[in-house]
């Protein structure tokens, strides 16, 4: 079997074989889960690289590989009859691309790695134009675990078309890192949030009224928290922060 045949046959599985991509996306579990995924697909990356280095039309080669992955995902989704289930699976695919596929492709570090990641990103946007997946790398994700992402706040802000570096997210991250983490129970509170938040967001996104739910989270919790921080009422903000986490946990677990 040629390198090309091996590579193009293996491309769909690079995404489709990932089960429950959010399950191991925690500070303690992601490193091992990612390494297992990378080791499993390393031979595929080697075939991709060998094929890339041996062909004349490298651009077409990479485009074919990216299309194999994108077409495979599209066919899989077309086989899901219920719209809600299809959307939930697309969310899983988006997360798997960002957390595993792109980081693993780039980690290989071959001549084909960056062109393949960029081609897959382009093909994905063509297939699913409403998605907003970015090319991510392993080191960046690991650094993110250290500074932690604001899952729920980010989801809410995205609903209102706010960028990742918007005022609200920046203010809340600063509050978390420079106030909450320095409190007696702060680290425990933050860790509880990051154990629960990815699943909460995933389950909200499955709801038909997800936009309204995020709007309610904004008006009931996040906007008041921001006002309290601006007024220097950090303790009151902490109480509301905990109330949000516990309240959402009861609703979605």
C-alpha atoms as a PDB file:
ATOM      1  CA  UNK A   1       0.000   0.000   0.000  1.00  0.00           C
ATOM      2  CA  UNK A   2       1.376   3.437  -0.959  1.00  0.00           C
ATOM      3  CA  UNK A   3       1.935   6.250   1.500  1.00  0.00           C
ATOM      4  CA  UNK A   4      -0.825   8.204  -0.224  1.00  0.00           C
ATOM      5  CA  UNK A   5      -3.336   5.376   0.114  1.00  0.00           C
ATOM      6  CA  UNK A   6      -2.479   4.799   3.763  1.00  0.00           C
ATOM      7  CA  UNK A   7      -2.704   8.480   4.574  1.00  0.00           C
ATOM      8  CA  UNK A   8      -5.976   9.283   2.830  1.00  0.00           C
ATOM      9  CA  UNK A   9      -7.636   6.158   4.246  1.00  0.00           C
ATOM     10  CA  UNK A  10      -6.617   7.151   7.752  1.00  0.00           C
ATOM     11  CA  UNK A  11      -7.619  10.804   7.645  1.00  0.00           C
ATOM     12  CA  UNK A  12     -11.325  10.452   8.623  1.00  0.00           C
ATOM     13  CA  UNK A  13     -10.421   8.321  11.640  1.00  0.00           C
ATOM     14  CA  UNK A  14      -8.138  11.070  12.886  1.00  0.00           C
ATOM     15  CA  UNK A  15     -11.353  12.806  13.946  1.00  0.00           C
ATOM     16  CA  UNK A  16     -14.092  10.166  13.907  1.00  0.00           C
ATOM     17  CA  UNK A  17     -12.286   7.766  16.238  1.00  0.00           C
ATOM     18  CA  UNK A  18     -12.209  10.278  19.106  1.00  0.00           C
ATOM     19  CA  UNK A  19     -14.843   9.413  21.699  1.00  0.00           C
ATOM     20  CA  UNK A  20     -16.104  11.949  24.261  1.00  0.00           C
ATOM     21  CA  UNK A  21     -13.366  14.527  23.529  1.00  0.00           C
ATOM     22  CA  UNK A  22     -14.347  16.705  26.495  1.00  0.00           C
ATOM     23  CA  UNK A  23     -14.169  13.872  29.026  1.00  0.00           C
ATOM     24  CA  UNK A  24     -10.405  14.077  29.563  1.00  0.00           C
ATOM     25  CA  UNK A  25     -10.028  17.796  28.988  1.00  0.00           C
ATOM     26  CA  UNK A  26      -8.855  18.653  32.492  1.00  0.00           C
ATOM     27  CA  UNK A  27      -5.515  19.789  33.808  1.00  0.00           C
ATOM     28  CA  UNK A  28      -4.794  16.372  35.330  1.00  0.00           C
ATOM     29  CA  UNK A  29      -6.023  14.143  32.503  1.00  0.00           C
ATOM     30  CA  UNK A  30      -5.418  15.948  29.222  1.00  0.00           C
ATOM     31  CA  UNK A  31      -1.671  15.370  28.979  1.00  0.00           C
ATOM     32  CA  UNK A  32      -2.035  11.582  29.176  1.00  0.00           C
ATOM     33  CA  UNK A  33      -5.090  11.486  26.910  1.00  0.00           C
ATOM     34  CA  UNK A  34      -3.349  13.616  24.290  1.00  0.00           C
ATOM     35  CA  UNK A  35      -0.178  11.515  24.365  1.00  0.00           C
ATOM     36  CA  UNK A  36      -2.228   8.358  23.894  1.00  0.00           C
ATOM     37  CA  UNK A  37      -3.997   9.937  20.913  1.00  0.00           C
ATOM     38  CA  UNK A  38      -0.716  11.129  19.417  1.00  0.00           C
ATOM     39  CA  UNK A  39       0.990   7.760  19.796  1.00  0.00           C
ATOM     40  CA  UNK A  40      -1.999   6.023  18.205  1.00  0.00           C
ATOM     41  CA  UNK A  41      -1.812   8.264  15.122  1.00  0.00           C
ATOM     42  CA  UNK A  42       1.928   8.712  14.801  1.00  0.00           C
ATOM     43  CA  UNK A  43       2.205   6.126  11.998  1.00  0.00           C
ATOM     44  CA  UNK A  44      -0.482   8.015  10.076  1.00  0.00           C
ATOM     45  CA  UNK A  45       1.482  11.249  10.440  1.00  0.00           C
ATOM     46  CA  UNK A  46       4.570   9.407   9.185  1.00  0.00           C
ATOM     47  CA  UNK A  47       2.697   8.167   6.109  1.00  0.00           C
ATOM     48  CA  UNK A  48       1.382  11.684   5.508  1.00  0.00           C
ATOM     49  CA  UNK A  49       4.883  13.095   5.737  1.00  0.00           C
ATOM     50  CA  UNK A  50       6.458  10.478   3.491  1.00  0.00           C
ATOM     51  CA  UNK A  51       3.766  10.959   0.888  1.00  0.00           C
ATOM     52  CA  UNK A  52       4.059  14.736   1.059  1.00  0.00           C
ATOM     53  CA  UNK A  53       7.821  14.661   0.584  1.00  0.00           C
ATOM     54  CA  UNK A  54       7.582  12.318  -2.406  1.00  0.00           C
ATOM     55  CA  UNK A  55       4.864  14.008  -4.497  1.00  0.00           C
ATOM     56  CA  UNK A  56       5.339  16.835  -6.954  1.00  0.00           C
ATOM     57  CA  UNK A  57       2.036  18.646  -6.405  1.00  0.00           C
ATOM     58  CA  UNK A  58       2.209  19.068  -2.642  1.00  0.00           C
ATOM     59  CA  UNK A  59      -0.648  21.554  -2.481  1.00  0.00           C
ATOM     60  CA  UNK A  60      -3.070  19.135  -4.160  1.00  0.00           C
ATOM     61  CA  UNK A  61      -1.841  16.306  -1.933  1.00  0.00           C
ATOM     62  CA  UNK A  62      -2.603  18.283   1.219  1.00  0.00           C
ATOM     63  CA  UNK A  63      -5.946  19.435  -0.144  1.00  0.00           C
ATOM     64  CA  UNK A  64      -6.954  15.815  -0.816  1.00  0.00           C
ATOM     65  CA  UNK A  65      -6.036  14.824   2.730  1.00  0.00           C
ATOM     66  CA  UNK A  66      -7.992  17.697   4.266  1.00  0.00           C
ATOM     67  CA  UNK A  67     -11.024  16.910   2.106  1.00  0.00           C
ATOM     68  CA  UNK A  68     -10.917  13.273   3.216  1.00  0.00           C
ATOM     69  CA  UNK A  69     -11.284  14.372   6.833  1.00  0.00           C
ATOM     70  CA  UNK A  70     -13.922  17.025   6.144  1.00  0.00           C
ATOM     71  CA  UNK A  71     -15.976  14.786   3.856  1.00  0.00           C
ATOM     72  CA  UNK A  72     -15.817  11.943   6.363  1.00  0.00           C
ATOM     73  CA  UNK A  73     -17.159  14.168   9.127  1.00  0.00           C
ATOM     74  CA  UNK A  74     -19.909  15.547   6.870  1.00  0.00           C
ATOM     75  CA  UNK A  75     -21.046  12.045   5.884  1.00  0.00           C
ATOM     76  CA  UNK A  76     -21.104  10.984   9.521  1.00  0.00           C
ATOM     77  CA  UNK A  77     -23.256  13.972  10.475  1.00  0.00           C
ATOM     78  CA  UNK A  78     -25.594  13.393   7.536  1.00  0.00           C
ATOM     79  CA  UNK A  79     -26.302   9.966   8.985  1.00  0.00           C
ATOM     80  CA  UNK A  80     -27.692  11.481  12.200  1.00  0.00           C
ATOM     81  CA  UNK A  81     -31.400  12.083  11.762  1.00  0.00           C
ATOM     82  CA  UNK A  82     -32.162  14.287  14.787  1.00  0.00           C
ATOM     83  CA  UNK A  83     -31.059  17.899  14.436  1.00  0.00           C
ATOM     84  CA  UNK A  84     -30.167  18.247  18.124  1.00  0.00           C
ATOM     85  CA  UNK A  85     -28.040  15.101  18.088  1.00  0.00           C
ATOM     86  CA  UNK A  86     -26.350  16.271  14.903  1.00  0.00           C
ATOM     87  CA  UNK A  87     -25.513  19.652  16.421  1.00  0.00           C
ATOM     88  CA  UNK A  88     -24.182  17.980  19.567  1.00  0.00           C
ATOM     89  CA  UNK A  89     -21.907  15.766  17.489  1.00  0.00           C
ATOM     90  CA  UNK A  90     -20.677  18.759  15.519  1.00  0.00           C
ATOM     91  CA  UNK A  91     -19.762  20.407  18.819  1.00  0.00           C
ATOM     92  CA  UNK A  92     -17.801  17.283  19.728  1.00  0.00           C
ATOM     93  CA  UNK A  93     -16.030  17.407  16.368  1.00  0.00           C
ATOM     94  CA  UNK A  94     -15.155  21.080  16.814  1.00  0.00           C
ATOM     95  CA  UNK A  95     -13.753  20.410  20.261  1.00  0.00           C
ATOM     96  CA  UNK A  96     -11.841  17.329  19.081  1.00  0.00           C
ATOM     97  CA  UNK A  97     -10.246  19.308  16.261  1.00  0.00           C
ATOM     98  CA  UNK A  98      -9.064  22.033  18.613  1.00  0.00           C
ATOM     99  CA  UNK A  99      -7.986  19.788  21.491  1.00  0.00           C
ATOM    100  CA  UNK A 100      -6.538  16.786  19.655  1.00  0.00           C
ATOM    101  CA  UNK A 101      -6.347  16.867  15.858  1.00  0.00           C
ATOM    102  CA  UNK A 102      -4.642  20.225  15.277  1.00  0.00           C
ATOM    103  CA  UNK A 103      -2.279  19.890  18.282  1.00  0.00           C
ATOM    104  CA  UNK A 104      -1.245  16.363  17.252  1.00  0.00           C
ATOM    105  CA  UNK A 105      -0.670  17.300  13.609  1.00  0.00           C
ATOM    106  CA  UNK A 106       1.509  20.249  14.635  1.00  0.00           C
ATOM    107  CA  UNK A 107       3.342  18.254  17.301  1.00  0.00           C
ATOM    108  CA  UNK A 108       4.614  15.862  14.611  1.00  0.00           C
ATOM    109  CA  UNK A 109       6.545  18.800  13.208  1.00  0.00           C
ATOM    110  CA  UNK A 110       7.040  17.566   9.653  1.00  0.00           C
ATOM    111  CA  UNK A 111       7.079  19.516   6.422  1.00  0.00           C
ATOM    112  CA  UNK A 112       3.444  18.559   5.930  1.00  0.00           C
ATOM    113  CA  UNK A 113       2.237  19.467   9.416  1.00  0.00           C
ATOM    114  CA  UNK A 114       1.470  23.177   9.195  1.00  0.00           C
ATOM    115  CA  UNK A 115       0.095  23.002   5.607  1.00  0.00           C
ATOM    116  CA  UNK A 116      -2.180  20.124   6.643  1.00  0.00           C
ATOM    117  CA  UNK A 117      -3.497  21.941   9.719  1.00  0.00           C
ATOM    118  CA  UNK A 118      -4.248  25.041   7.655  1.00  0.00           C
ATOM    119  CA  UNK A 119      -5.905  23.008   4.895  1.00  0.00           C
ATOM    120  CA  UNK A 120      -8.104  21.110   7.370  1.00  0.00           C
ATOM    121  CA  UNK A 121      -9.086  24.422   8.978  1.00  0.00           C
ATOM    122  CA  UNK A 122     -10.053  25.837   5.578  1.00  0.00           C
ATOM    123  CA  UNK A 123     -12.024  22.746   4.551  1.00  0.00           C
ATOM    124  CA  UNK A 124     -13.815  22.683   7.903  1.00  0.00           C
ATOM    125  CA  UNK A 125     -14.984  26.281   7.477  1.00  0.00           C
ATOM    126  CA  UNK A 126     -16.235  25.431   3.997  1.00  0.00           C
ATOM    127  CA  UNK A 127     -18.224  22.456   5.274  1.00  0.00           C
ATOM    128  CA  UNK A 128     -19.427  24.137   8.476  1.00  0.00           C
ATOM    129  CA  UNK A 129     -19.294  27.926   7.975  1.00  0.00           C
ATOM    130  CA  UNK A 130     -21.055  28.714  11.266  1.00  0.00           C
ATOM    131  CA  UNK A 131     -18.334  27.073  13.353  1.00  0.00           C
ATOM    132  CA  UNK A 132     -15.463  29.061  14.808  1.00  0.00           C
ATOM    133  CA  UNK A 133     -12.666  26.527  15.319  1.00  0.00           C
ATOM    134  CA  UNK A 134      -9.117  27.842  15.547  1.00  0.00           C
ATOM    135  CA  UNK A 135      -5.834  26.041  14.933  1.00  0.00           C
ATOM    136  CA  UNK A 136      -4.380  25.298  18.351  1.00  0.00           C
ATOM    137  CA  UNK A 137      -1.178  23.625  19.510  1.00  0.00           C
ATOM    138  CA  UNK A 138      -0.349  21.403  22.455  1.00  0.00           C
ATOM    139  CA  UNK A 139       1.924  23.862  24.251  1.00  0.00           C
ATOM    140  CA  UNK A 140      -0.685  26.594  24.020  1.00  0.00           C
ATOM    141  CA  UNK A 141      -3.353  24.332  25.503  1.00  0.00           C
ATOM    142  CA  UNK A 142      -1.096  23.293  28.378  1.00  0.00           C
ATOM    143  CA  UNK A 143      -0.317  26.933  29.115  1.00  0.00           C
ATOM    144  CA  UNK A 144      -4.053  27.573  29.022  1.00  0.00           C
ATOM    145  CA  UNK A 145      -4.610  25.046  31.782  1.00  0.00           C
ATOM    146  CA  UNK A 146      -2.230  27.024  33.953  1.00  0.00           C
ATOM    147  CA  UNK A 147      -4.075  30.286  33.416  1.00  0.00           C
ATOM    148  CA  UNK A 148      -7.411  28.477  32.863  1.00  0.00           C
ATOM    149  CA  UNK A 149     -10.123  29.421  30.386  1.00  0.00           C
ATOM    150  CA  UNK A 150     -13.430  30.934  31.484  1.00  0.00           C
ATOM    151  CA  UNK A 151     -15.628  28.301  29.837  1.00  0.00           C
ATOM    152  CA  UNK A 152     -19.080  29.554  30.783  1.00  0.00           C
ATOM    153  CA  UNK A 153     -18.184  33.241  30.558  1.00  0.00           C
ATOM    154  CA  UNK A 154     -16.576  32.659  27.166  1.00  0.00           C
ATOM    155  CA  UNK A 155     -19.667  30.815  25.908  1.00  0.00           C
ATOM    156  CA  UNK A 156     -21.883  33.670  27.081  1.00  0.00           C
ATOM    157  CA  UNK A 157     -19.657  36.329  25.520  1.00  0.00           C
ATOM    158  CA  UNK A 158     -19.524  34.418  22.227  1.00  0.00           C
ATOM    159  CA  UNK A 159     -23.326  34.471  22.188  1.00  0.00           C
ATOM    160  CA  UNK A 160     -23.128  38.274  22.294  1.00  0.00           C
ATOM    161  CA  UNK A 161     -20.375  38.264  19.610  1.00  0.00           C
ATOM    162  CA  UNK A 162     -17.738  39.520  22.055  1.00  0.00           C
ATOM    163  CA  UNK A 163     -14.062  38.653  21.349  1.00  0.00           C
ATOM    164  CA  UNK A 164     -11.928  36.545  23.671  1.00  0.00           C
ATOM    165  CA  UNK A 165     -10.035  39.615  24.851  1.00  0.00           C
ATOM    166  CA  UNK A 166     -13.156  41.703  25.521  1.00  0.00           C
ATOM    167  CA  UNK A 167     -13.349  43.879  28.610  1.00  0.00           C
ATOM    168  CA  UNK A 168     -15.702  41.552  30.480  1.00  0.00           C
ATOM    169  CA  UNK A 169     -13.617  38.398  30.017  1.00  0.00           C
ATOM    170  CA  UNK A 170     -10.388  40.208  30.814  1.00  0.00           C
ATOM    171  CA  UNK A 171     -11.865  41.684  33.994  1.00  0.00           C
ATOM    172  CA  UNK A 172     -13.237  38.335  35.206  1.00  0.00           C
ATOM    173  CA  UNK A 173      -9.986  36.510  34.462  1.00  0.00           C
ATOM    174  CA  UNK A 174      -8.060  39.142  36.372  1.00  0.00           C
ATOM    175  CA  UNK A 175     -10.465  38.783  39.299  1.00  0.00           C
ATOM    176  CA  UNK A 176     -10.030  35.013  39.267  1.00  0.00           C
ATOM    177  CA  UNK A 177      -6.229  35.084  39.052  1.00  0.00           C
ATOM    178  CA  UNK A 178      -5.454  38.049  41.323  1.00  0.00           C
ATOM    179  CA  UNK A 179      -8.213  37.865  43.915  1.00  0.00           C
ATOM    180  CA  UNK A 180     -10.083  34.573  44.036  1.00  0.00           C
ATOM    181  CA  UNK A 181      -7.037  32.312  43.741  1.00  0.00           C
ATOM    182  CA  UNK A 182      -5.478  34.113  46.713  1.00  0.00           C
ATOM    183  CA  UNK A 183      -8.417  33.449  49.034  1.00  0.00           C
ATOM    184  CA  UNK A 184      -8.474  30.585  51.541  1.00  0.00           C
ATOM    185  CA  UNK A 185     -10.952  28.484  49.543  1.00  0.00           C
ATOM    186  CA  UNK A 186     -10.335  30.217  46.224  1.00  0.00           C
ATOM    187  CA  UNK A 187      -8.307  27.504  44.519  1.00  0.00           C
ATOM    188  CA  UNK A 188     -10.879  24.873  45.519  1.00  0.00           C
ATOM    189  CA  UNK A 189     -13.708  27.009  44.134  1.00  0.00           C
ATOM    190  CA  UNK A 190     -11.904  27.586  40.848  1.00  0.00           C
ATOM    191  CA  UNK A 191     -11.019  23.893  40.492  1.00  0.00           C
ATOM    192  CA  UNK A 192     -14.640  22.915  41.103  1.00  0.00           C
ATOM    193  CA  UNK A 193     -15.684  25.327  38.367  1.00  0.00           C
ATOM    194  CA  UNK A 194     -13.258  23.860  35.841  1.00  0.00           C
ATOM    195  CA  UNK A 195     -14.314  20.329  36.634  1.00  0.00           C
ATOM    196  CA  UNK A 196     -17.962  21.217  35.952  1.00  0.00           C
ATOM    197  CA  UNK A 197     -17.918  24.020  33.379  1.00  0.00           C
ATOM    198  CA  UNK A 198     -17.055  22.099  30.158  1.00  0.00           C
ATOM    199  CA  UNK A 199     -19.963  19.696  30.693  1.00  0.00           C
ATOM    200  CA  UNK A 200     -22.322  22.524  31.647  1.00  0.00           C
ATOM    201  CA  UNK A 201     -21.474  24.396  28.441  1.00  0.00           C
ATOM    202  CA  UNK A 202     -21.853  21.254  26.340  1.00  0.00           C
ATOM    203  CA  UNK A 203     -25.288  20.530  27.797  1.00  0.00           C
ATOM    204  CA  UNK A 204     -26.490  24.112  27.423  1.00  0.00           C
ATOM    205  CA  UNK A 205     -25.372  24.087  23.784  1.00  0.00           C
ATOM    206  CA  UNK A 206     -27.647  21.102  23.163  1.00  0.00           C
ATOM    207  CA  UNK A 207     -30.685  23.101  24.261  1.00  0.00           C
ATOM    208  CA  UNK A 208     -32.878  24.752  21.643  1.00  0.00           C
ATOM    209  CA  UNK A 209     -33.051  27.883  23.819  1.00  0.00           C
ATOM    210  CA  UNK A 210     -29.306  28.024  24.533  1.00  0.00           C
ATOM    211  CA  UNK A 211     -29.101  31.718  23.590  1.00  0.00           C
ATOM    212  CA  UNK A 212     -31.775  32.588  26.134  1.00  0.00           C
ATOM    213  CA  UNK A 213     -30.032  30.474  28.783  1.00  0.00           C
ATOM    214  CA  UNK A 214     -26.765  32.325  28.189  1.00  0.00           C
ATOM    215  CA  UNK A 215     -28.597  35.650  28.263  1.00  0.00           C
ATOM    216  CA  UNK A 216     -30.060  34.693  31.653  1.00  0.00           C
ATOM    217  CA  UNK A 217     -26.622  33.684  32.964  1.00  0.00           C
ATOM    218  CA  UNK A 218     -25.353  37.068  31.853  1.00  0.00           C
ATOM    219  CA  UNK A 219     -28.129  39.052  33.526  1.00  0.00           C
ATOM    220  CA  UNK A 220     -28.361  36.923  36.690  1.00  0.00           C
ATOM    221  CA  UNK A 221     -24.676  36.320  37.395  1.00  0.00           C
ATOM    222  CA  UNK A 222     -21.994  37.707  35.094  1.00  0.00           C
ATOM    223  CA  UNK A 223     -23.147  41.279  34.663  1.00  0.00           C
ATOM    224  CA  UNK A 224     -23.736  41.707  38.436  1.00  0.00           C
ATOM    225  CA  UNK A 225     -20.325  40.117  39.104  1.00  0.00           C
ATOM    226  CA  UNK A 226     -18.670  42.635  36.807  1.00  0.00           C
ATOM    227  CA  UNK A 227     -20.419  45.511  38.558  1.00  0.00           C
ATOM    228  CA  UNK A 228     -19.340  44.197  41.975  1.00  0.00           C
ATOM    229  CA  UNK A 229     -15.707  43.903  40.835  1.00  0.00           C
ATOM    230  CA  UNK A 230     -15.804  47.446  39.459  1.00  0.00           C
ATOM    231  CA  UNK A 231     -17.137  48.632  42.824  1.00  0.00           C
ATOM    232  CA  UNK A 232     -14.417  46.761  44.715  1.00  0.00           C
ATOM    233  CA  UNK A 233     -16.935  44.376  46.311  1.00  0.00           C
ATOM    234  CA  UNK A 234     -14.821  41.275  45.781  1.00  0.00           C
ATOM    235  CA  UNK A 235     -16.359  39.180  48.552  1.00  0.00           C
ATOM    236  CA  UNK A 236     -19.874  39.750  47.242  1.00  0.00           C
ATOM    237  CA  UNK A 237     -18.676  38.785  43.774  1.00  0.00           C
ATOM    238  CA  UNK A 238     -17.190  35.573  45.167  1.00  0.00           C
ATOM    239  CA  UNK A 239     -20.507  34.650  46.762  1.00  0.00           C
ATOM    240  CA  UNK A 240     -22.344  35.227  43.490  1.00  0.00           C
ATOM    241  CA  UNK A 241     -19.651  33.296  41.571  1.00  0.00           C
ATOM    242  CA  UNK A 242     -20.147  30.269  43.834  1.00  0.00           C
ATOM    243  CA  UNK A 243     -23.928  30.606  43.555  1.00  0.00           C
ATOM    244  CA  UNK A 244     -23.634  30.517  39.764  1.00  0.00           C
ATOM    245  CA  UNK A 245     -21.508  27.355  39.746  1.00  0.00           C
ATOM    246  CA  UNK A 246     -23.718  25.525  42.232  1.00  0.00           C
ATOM    247  CA  UNK A 247     -26.912  26.647  40.536  1.00  0.00           C
ATOM    248  CA  UNK A 248     -25.778  25.542  37.082  1.00  0.00           C
ATOM    249  CA  UNK A 249     -24.528  22.262  38.527  1.00  0.00           C
ATOM    250  CA  UNK A 250     -28.022  21.492  39.883  1.00  0.00           C
ATOM    251  CA  UNK A 251     -29.621  22.328  36.539  1.00  0.00           C
ATOM    252  CA  UNK A 252     -27.286  20.449  34.217  1.00  0.00           C
ATOM    253  CA  UNK A 253     -25.922  17.509  36.207  1.00  0.00           C
END
